Amino acid sequence: MTKRKNISGSTEKKLPINGGTGRHALYRKELADHLKSRRFLILLLLIGTTSFASLYGAVSGLADVLESDGNFAFLKLYTTSGSSIPSFMSFIALLGPIIGLALGFDAINSERTGGTLNRLASQPIYRDSIIIGKFMAGLAVISTIIYTMGIALGAVGILVTGLKPSGEEVVRILIFLTFTVIYVAFWLALSIFFSVICRHAATSALASIAVWMFFAVFMSLVASIIANAMYPVNTDYNAAVNALNNYTLNLNLNRISPSYLYSEAVSTIMNPSVRTVNIVTMDQLVGAISGYLSLGQSLLLVWPHLTGLAALMLVAFGGSYIGFMRQEVRTN
């Protein structure tokens, strides 16, 4: 028998399942529910279709791209867009949040509405195992989808084009997929947060989509408006004086958005010719030699982005964790 203090400060006694916290049992239950659901099949079909459509577009335009730059040819299967089909990197940046939102928007409120949360909380498990188990199961599904589609696209690309990736290209692709998992996990954590604080699943879904649309579409507009208000560039004189400050403020405000952080980071990882993520002045260009960054140098550039995305994910999950632990769940 174990004792544990709940949020109100009183001591609750529970006999954990299998001698543990019950977290593993809940994780397996939630993972099985996800994998057997139609939602998972729809998401897998959506990502799979768009992934191979992007591969078709990349292969159709690969010859023209390789004529101008034949280095890191295998990475171009992920970054090259067709005449009317975006690249895999563009597709996953757009559709990735949908995976996270779809897996988490009804994680808690559907249990509460259906009356199953009461029965779940009455089991001999720690209460925090419920929210942790749901998040970990969603993270496992996200990792499965992202890594499966990324690796499958590369395998089919080898068969179709005959290109063989170098060791550095393989590592860059794996880092890109890892960034994507963390990025989508942020949206999963955010959707679980809204599922905790909103009573109905429809409300939490709309709130999650609203935040996604703001960061993906409107954040750049807001950043531009604020930067132009602080450092106007409407005249030739103002442009000459304020251009640098305007661009720097605009860039920093955009980096509040997880969508911008992710896009900037993966563009740097998947395109070794990107040598900086900040503004470059003419003085800095003097004497510079064009070339490609090594993997280590590219990682140094995007390390703050990875830290920022991971921090945002932990903050979002921390909010859902605290909100769930503070809520009253009546057990029969």
Protein backbone atom coordinates (compact mmCIF):
# COMPACT_ATOMS: atom_id res chain seq x y z
CA MET A 1 0.00 0.00 0.00
CA THR A 2 1.36 3.43 -0.93
CA LYS A 3 0.44 6.90 0.27
CA ARG A 4 0.40 9.97 -1.90
CA LYS A 5 -0.77 13.52 -1.32
CA ASN A 6 -3.32 14.86 -3.73
CA ILE A 7 -3.77 18.49 -4.79
CA SER A 8 -5.88 19.42 -1.77
CA GLY A 9 -3.10 18.30 0.55
CA SER A 10 -4.88 15.27 1.98
CA THR A 11 -3.37 11.83 1.81
CA GLU A 12 -4.88 9.30 -0.57
CA LYS A 13 -4.14 5.60 -0.42
CA LYS A 14 -4.02 3.57 -3.60
CA LEU A 15 -2.69 0.18 -4.49
CA PRO A 16 -1.08 0.75 -7.88
CA ILE A 17 -1.69 -1.76 -10.64
CA ASN A 18 1.12 -4.31 -10.99
CA GLY A 19 2.96 -2.67 -8.12
CA GLY A 20 3.63 0.52 -10.12
CA THR A 21 1.80 3.76 -10.81
CA GLY A 22 -0.48 2.22 -13.44
CA ARG A 23 1.05 4.53 -16.04
CA HIS A 24 2.26 1.71 -18.26
CA ALA A 25 -1.14 0.02 -18.25
CA LEU A 26 -2.84 3.28 -19.19
CA TYR A 27 -0.25 3.94 -21.87
CA ARG A 28 -0.85 0.56 -23.48
CA LYS A 29 -4.61 1.02 -23.28
CA GLU A 30 -4.51 4.48 -24.88
CA LEU A 31 -2.02 3.36 -27.52
CA ALA A 32 -4.23 0.42 -28.46
CA ASP A 33 -7.26 2.73 -28.67
CA HIS A 34 -5.38 5.07 -31.01
CA LEU A 35 -4.04 2.34 -33.26
CA LYS A 36 -7.45 0.66 -33.58
CA SER A 37 -9.35 3.88 -34.23
CA ARG A 38 -10.53 5.15 -37.59
CA ARG A 39 -8.90 8.47 -36.73
CA PHE A 40 -5.46 6.88 -36.86
CA LEU A 41 -6.19 5.25 -40.22
CA ILE A 42 -7.43 8.55 -41.65
CA LEU A 43 -4.33 10.40 -40.43
CA LEU A 44 -2.03 7.68 -41.75
CA LEU A 45 -3.80 7.74 -45.12
CA LEU A 46 -3.64 11.55 -45.26
CA ILE A 47 0.06 11.77 -44.43
CA GLY A 48 0.91 8.80 -46.64
CA THR A 49 -0.93 10.21 -49.65
CA THR A 50 0.61 13.66 -49.33
CA SER A 51 4.07 12.19 -48.70
CA PHE A 52 4.14 10.16 -51.88
CA ALA A 53 2.52 13.00 -53.82
CA SER A 54 5.39 15.22 -52.68
CA LEU A 55 7.87 12.52 -53.74
CA TYR A 56 6.29 12.47 -57.20
CA GLY A 57 6.64 16.25 -57.42
CA ALA A 58 10.24 16.10 -56.20
CA VAL A 59 11.21 13.41 -58.72
CA SER A 60 9.58 15.32 -61.59
CA GLY A 61 11.58 18.45 -60.78
CA LEU A 62 14.75 16.81 -59.52
CA ALA A 63 16.65 16.94 -62.81
CA ASP A 64 16.38 20.72 -63.07
CA VAL A 65 17.43 21.16 -59.45
CA LEU A 66 20.46 18.89 -59.79
CA GLU A 67 21.65 20.81 -62.85
CA SER A 68 22.12 23.92 -60.75
CA ASP A 69 23.40 22.13 -57.63
CA GLY A 70 24.24 18.42 -57.51
CA ASN A 71 25.42 18.34 -53.90
CA PHE A 72 23.33 16.59 -51.23
CA ALA A 73 21.07 15.23 -53.97
CA PHE A 74 19.20 12.81 -51.70
CA LEU A 75 18.05 15.60 -49.37
CA LYS A 76 16.37 17.25 -52.33
CA LEU A 77 13.80 14.44 -52.38
CA TYR A 78 12.46 16.00 -49.18
CA THR A 79 12.89 19.67 -50.06
CA THR A 80 12.14 19.93 -53.79
CA SER A 81 8.68 21.07 -54.90
CA GLY A 82 7.05 20.03 -58.16
CA SER A 83 5.31 22.35 -60.58
CA SER A 84 2.15 22.34 -58.47
CA ILE A 85 2.99 19.99 -55.57
CA PRO A 86 4.73 21.25 -52.41
CA SER A 87 7.71 19.43 -50.99
CA PHE A 88 7.48 16.83 -48.23
CA MET A 89 8.97 19.36 -45.83
CA SER A 90 6.24 21.88 -46.69
CA PHE A 91 3.50 19.26 -46.43
CA ILE A 92 4.61 18.04 -43.03
CA ALA A 93 4.91 21.59 -41.68
CA LEU A 94 1.29 22.18 -42.71
CA LEU A 95 -0.25 18.83 -41.80
CA GLY A 96 1.89 17.96 -38.78
CA PRO A 97 -0.11 20.11 -36.35
CA ILE A 98 -3.32 18.45 -37.57
CA ILE A 99 -1.98 15.11 -36.32
CA GLY A 100 -1.31 16.50 -32.85
CA LEU A 101 -4.62 18.36 -32.66
CA ALA A 102 -6.61 15.35 -33.86
CA LEU A 103 -5.05 13.02 -31.29
CA GLY A 104 -5.52 15.27 -28.27
CA PHE A 105 -8.52 17.58 -28.63
CA ASP A 106 -10.90 15.12 -26.90
CA ALA A 107 -8.42 13.29 -24.67
CA ILE A 108 -10.01 14.36 -21.37
CA ASN A 109 -13.37 15.99 -22.06
CA SER A 110 -14.65 12.98 -24.03
CA GLU A 111 -13.88 10.78 -21.02
CA ARG A 112 -15.64 13.24 -18.76
CA THR A 113 -18.68 13.57 -21.04
CA GLY A 114 -18.98 9.80 -21.48
CA GLY A 115 -18.69 9.20 -17.74
CA THR A 116 -15.62 6.98 -18.12
CA LEU A 117 -13.28 9.43 -16.38
CA ASN A 118 -15.00 8.74 -13.05
CA ARG A 119 -14.51 5.00 -13.43
CA LEU A 120 -10.93 5.49 -14.60
CA ALA A 121 -10.07 7.69 -11.61
CA SER A 122 -11.61 5.18 -9.23
CA GLN A 123 -9.12 2.51 -10.31
CA PRO A 124 -6.06 1.80 -8.13
CA ILE A 125 -3.78 4.08 -10.13
CA TYR A 126 -2.26 7.46 -9.50
CA ARG A 127 -4.29 10.26 -10.97
CA ASP A 128 -1.41 11.89 -12.83
CA SER A 129 -0.87 8.60 -14.65
CA ILE A 130 -4.05 9.35 -16.62
CA ILE A 131 -2.79 12.57 -18.20
CA ILE A 132 0.77 11.30 -18.61
CA GLY A 133 -0.39 8.04 -20.17
CA LYS A 134 -2.56 9.86 -22.69
CA PHE A 135 0.25 12.19 -23.70
CA MET A 136 2.82 9.41 -24.02
CA ALA A 137 0.45 7.28 -26.12
CA GLY A 138 -0.22 10.23 -28.44
CA LEU A 139 3.52 10.88 -28.69
CA ALA A 140 4.13 7.24 -29.62
CA VAL A 141 1.53 7.44 -32.41
CA ILE A 142 3.06 10.69 -33.70
CA SER A 143 6.54 9.16 -33.73
CA THR A 144 5.24 6.09 -35.56
CA ILE A 145 3.55 8.14 -38.28
CA ILE A 146 6.39 10.64 -38.79
CA TYR A 147 9.29 8.18 -38.82
CA THR A 148 7.38 5.63 -40.91
CA MET A 149 6.44 8.15 -43.58
CA GLY A 150 9.88 9.79 -43.61
CA ILE A 151 11.78 6.53 -43.91
CA ALA A 152 9.31 5.07 -46.43
CA LEU A 153 9.64 8.16 -48.62
CA GLY A 154 13.42 7.77 -48.60
CA ALA A 155 13.23 4.06 -49.40
CA VAL A 156 10.88 4.61 -52.33
CA GLY A 157 13.08 7.50 -53.47
CA ILE A 158 16.09 5.17 -53.62
CA LEU A 159 14.14 2.65 -55.70
CA VAL A 160 12.76 5.27 -58.09
CA THR A 161 15.81 7.50 -58.60
CA GLY A 162 18.71 5.20 -57.75
CA LEU A 163 20.21 7.88 -55.50
CA LYS A 164 22.09 6.58 -52.49
CA PRO A 165 22.24 8.77 -49.37
CA SER A 166 25.50 9.49 -47.65
CA GLY A 167 25.89 9.00 -43.92
CA GLU A 168 25.53 12.73 -43.27
CA GLU A 169 22.35 12.88 -45.33
CA VAL A 170 20.83 10.01 -43.35
CA VAL A 171 21.64 11.76 -40.05
CA ARG A 172 20.21 15.05 -41.32
CA ILE A 173 16.97 13.31 -42.31
CA LEU A 174 16.70 11.62 -38.89
CA ILE A 175 17.28 14.97 -37.16
CA PHE A 176 14.64 16.55 -39.39
CA LEU A 177 12.15 13.82 -38.42
CA THR A 178 13.02 14.26 -34.73
CA PHE A 179 12.39 18.00 -35.00
CA THR A 180 9.05 17.17 -36.61
CA VAL A 181 8.05 14.82 -33.78
CA ILE A 182 8.82 17.49 -31.17
CA TYR A 183 6.95 20.10 -33.21
CA VAL A 184 3.84 17.92 -33.55
CA ALA A 185 4.11 16.91 -29.87
CA PHE A 186 3.73 20.59 -28.96
CA TRP A 187 0.38 20.69 -30.75
CA LEU A 188 -0.61 17.44 -29.05
CA ALA A 189 0.17 18.93 -25.64
CA LEU A 190 -1.70 22.13 -26.52
CA SER A 191 -4.79 20.22 -27.68
CA ILE A 192 -4.75 18.15 -24.46
CA PHE A 193 -4.57 21.42 -22.50
CA PHE A 194 -7.71 22.71 -24.22
CA SER A 195 -9.32 19.31 -23.70
CA VAL A 196 -8.71 19.72 -19.97
CA ILE A 197 -10.04 23.28 -19.62
CA CYS A 198 -12.95 22.98 -22.10
CA ARG A 199 -16.01 20.94 -21.23
CA HIS A 200 -16.92 19.95 -24.78
CA ALA A 201 -14.71 18.38 -27.45
CA ALA A 202 -15.99 20.75 -30.14
CA THR A 203 -14.93 23.77 -28.10
CA SER A 204 -11.44 22.41 -27.46
CA ALA A 205 -11.06 21.53 -31.15
CA LEU A 206 -12.05 25.04 -32.24
CA ALA A 207 -9.72 26.63 -29.67
CA SER A 208 -6.80 24.46 -30.80
CA ILE A 209 -7.43 25.22 -34.47
CA ALA A 210 -7.69 28.95 -33.70
CA VAL A 211 -4.26 28.96 -32.02
CA TRP A 212 -2.79 26.98 -34.92
CA MET A 213 -4.25 29.36 -37.51
CA PHE A 214 -2.97 32.39 -35.60
CA PHE A 215 0.61 31.12 -35.43
CA ALA A 216 0.62 29.69 -38.96
CA VAL A 217 -1.06 32.60 -40.77
CA PHE A 218 -1.57 35.72 -38.71
CA MET A 219 1.56 35.83 -36.54
CA SER A 220 3.70 37.13 -39.42
CA LEU A 221 1.15 39.90 -40.07
CA VAL A 222 1.08 40.91 -36.41
CA ALA A 223 4.90 40.88 -36.25
CA SER A 224 5.10 43.07 -39.36
CA ILE A 225 2.56 45.57 -37.98
CA ILE A 226 4.39 45.87 -34.66
CA ALA A 227 7.81 46.19 -36.32
CA ASN A 228 6.56 48.88 -38.71
CA ALA A 229 4.96 50.77 -35.82
CA MET A 230 8.13 50.65 -33.72
CA TYR A 231 10.59 51.25 -36.56
CA PRO A 232 8.73 52.75 -39.56
CA VAL A 233 10.23 52.30 -43.01
CA ASN A 234 7.61 54.27 -44.95
CA THR A 235 10.06 56.88 -46.25
CA ASP A 236 13.54 56.64 -47.75
CA TYR A 237 15.06 58.25 -44.65
CA ASN A 238 13.21 55.95 -42.22
CA ALA A 239 14.12 52.95 -44.34
CA ALA A 240 17.81 53.86 -44.24
CA VAL A 241 17.75 54.45 -40.47
CA ASN A 242 15.33 51.76 -39.25
CA ALA A 243 15.67 48.92 -41.75
CA LEU A 244 17.98 46.81 -39.58
CA ASN A 245 15.98 47.33 -36.38
CA ASN A 246 12.73 46.71 -38.23
CA TYR A 247 13.94 43.41 -39.65
CA THR A 248 15.45 42.27 -36.33
CA LEU A 249 12.27 43.00 -34.37
CA ASN A 250 10.13 41.35 -37.03
CA LEU A 251 12.33 38.25 -36.96
CA ASN A 252 12.33 38.01 -33.16
CA LEU A 253 8.55 38.37 -32.96
CA ASN A 254 8.07 35.70 -35.60
CA ARG A 255 10.26 33.35 -33.58
CA ILE A 256 7.61 33.36 -30.86
CA SER A 257 5.61 31.18 -33.25
CA PRO A 258 6.42 27.45 -33.04
CA SER A 259 5.56 27.18 -36.75
CA TYR A 260 8.26 29.71 -37.67
CA LEU A 261 10.80 28.11 -35.31
CA TYR A 262 10.18 24.72 -36.88
CA SER A 263 10.33 25.96 -40.49
CA GLU A 264 13.55 27.89 -39.87
CA ALA A 265 15.19 24.95 -38.09
CA VAL A 266 14.37 22.23 -40.62
CA SER A 267 15.28 24.49 -43.55
CA THR A 268 18.73 24.88 -42.00
CA ILE A 269 19.14 21.15 -41.33
CA MET A 270 17.91 20.00 -44.74
CA ASN A 271 19.75 22.66 -46.72
CA PRO A 272 23.46 22.71 -45.79
CA SER A 273 23.99 25.85 -47.91
CA VAL A 274 22.14 27.88 -45.25
CA ARG A 275 24.96 29.45 -43.26
CA THR A 276 23.05 31.72 -40.86
CA VAL A 277 19.57 32.23 -39.46
CA ASN A 278 20.07 35.90 -38.63
CA ILE A 279 20.46 39.02 -40.75
CA VAL A 280 23.77 39.36 -42.57
CA THR A 281 25.23 42.82 -43.20
CA MET A 282 27.41 43.79 -46.14
CA ASP A 283 30.41 44.13 -43.83
CA GLN A 284 29.99 40.50 -42.79
CA LEU A 285 29.81 39.35 -46.40
CA VAL A 286 33.19 40.86 -47.25
CA GLY A 287 35.73 38.06 -47.55
CA ALA A 288 33.13 35.33 -46.91
CA ILE A 289 33.58 32.10 -48.88
CA SER A 290 30.49 30.34 -50.17
CA GLY A 291 30.14 26.68 -49.29
CA TYR A 292 28.24 24.16 -47.20
CA LEU A 293 28.05 23.87 -43.45
CA SER A 294 28.99 20.64 -41.77
CA LEU A 295 26.36 18.78 -39.79
CA GLY A 296 27.83 19.99 -36.51
CA GLN A 297 27.75 23.64 -37.60
CA SER A 298 24.15 23.30 -38.79
CA LEU A 299 23.20 21.82 -35.42
CA LEU A 300 24.81 24.74 -33.63
CA LEU A 301 22.63 27.10 -35.66
CA VAL A 302 19.37 25.32 -34.82
CA TRP A 303 20.11 24.22 -31.26
CA PRO A 304 18.18 27.24 -29.83
CA HIS A 305 15.22 26.32 -32.04
CA LEU A 306 15.19 22.75 -30.71
CA THR A 307 15.41 24.04 -27.14
CA GLY A 308 12.60 26.52 -27.78
CA LEU A 309 10.28 23.91 -29.32
CA ALA A 310 10.97 21.45 -26.48
CA ALA A 311 10.32 24.19 -23.91
CA LEU A 312 7.04 25.16 -25.56
CA MET A 313 5.97 21.50 -25.58
CA LEU A 314 6.80 21.11 -21.87
CA VAL A 315 4.99 24.35 -20.97
CA ALA A 316 1.87 23.25 -22.86
CA PHE A 317 1.92 19.80 -21.25
CA GLY A 318 2.68 21.33 -17.83
CA GLY A 319 -0.42 23.51 -18.18
CA SER A 320 -2.59 20.51 -19.02
CA TYR A 321 -1.04 18.50 -16.17
CA ILE A 322 -1.66 21.20 -13.57
CA GLY A 323 -5.15 21.90 -14.88
CA PHE A 324 -6.11 18.23 -14.77
CA MET A 325 -4.69 17.68 -11.29
CA ARG A 326 -6.60 20.69 -9.96
CA GLN A 327 -9.92 19.63 -11.41
CA GLU A 328 -12.40 17.72 -9.32
CA VAL A 329 -13.21 14.24 -10.54
CA ARG A 330 -16.05 12.64 -8.64
CA THR A 331 -15.70 8.91 -8.23
CA ASN A 332 -18.50 6.56 -7.36
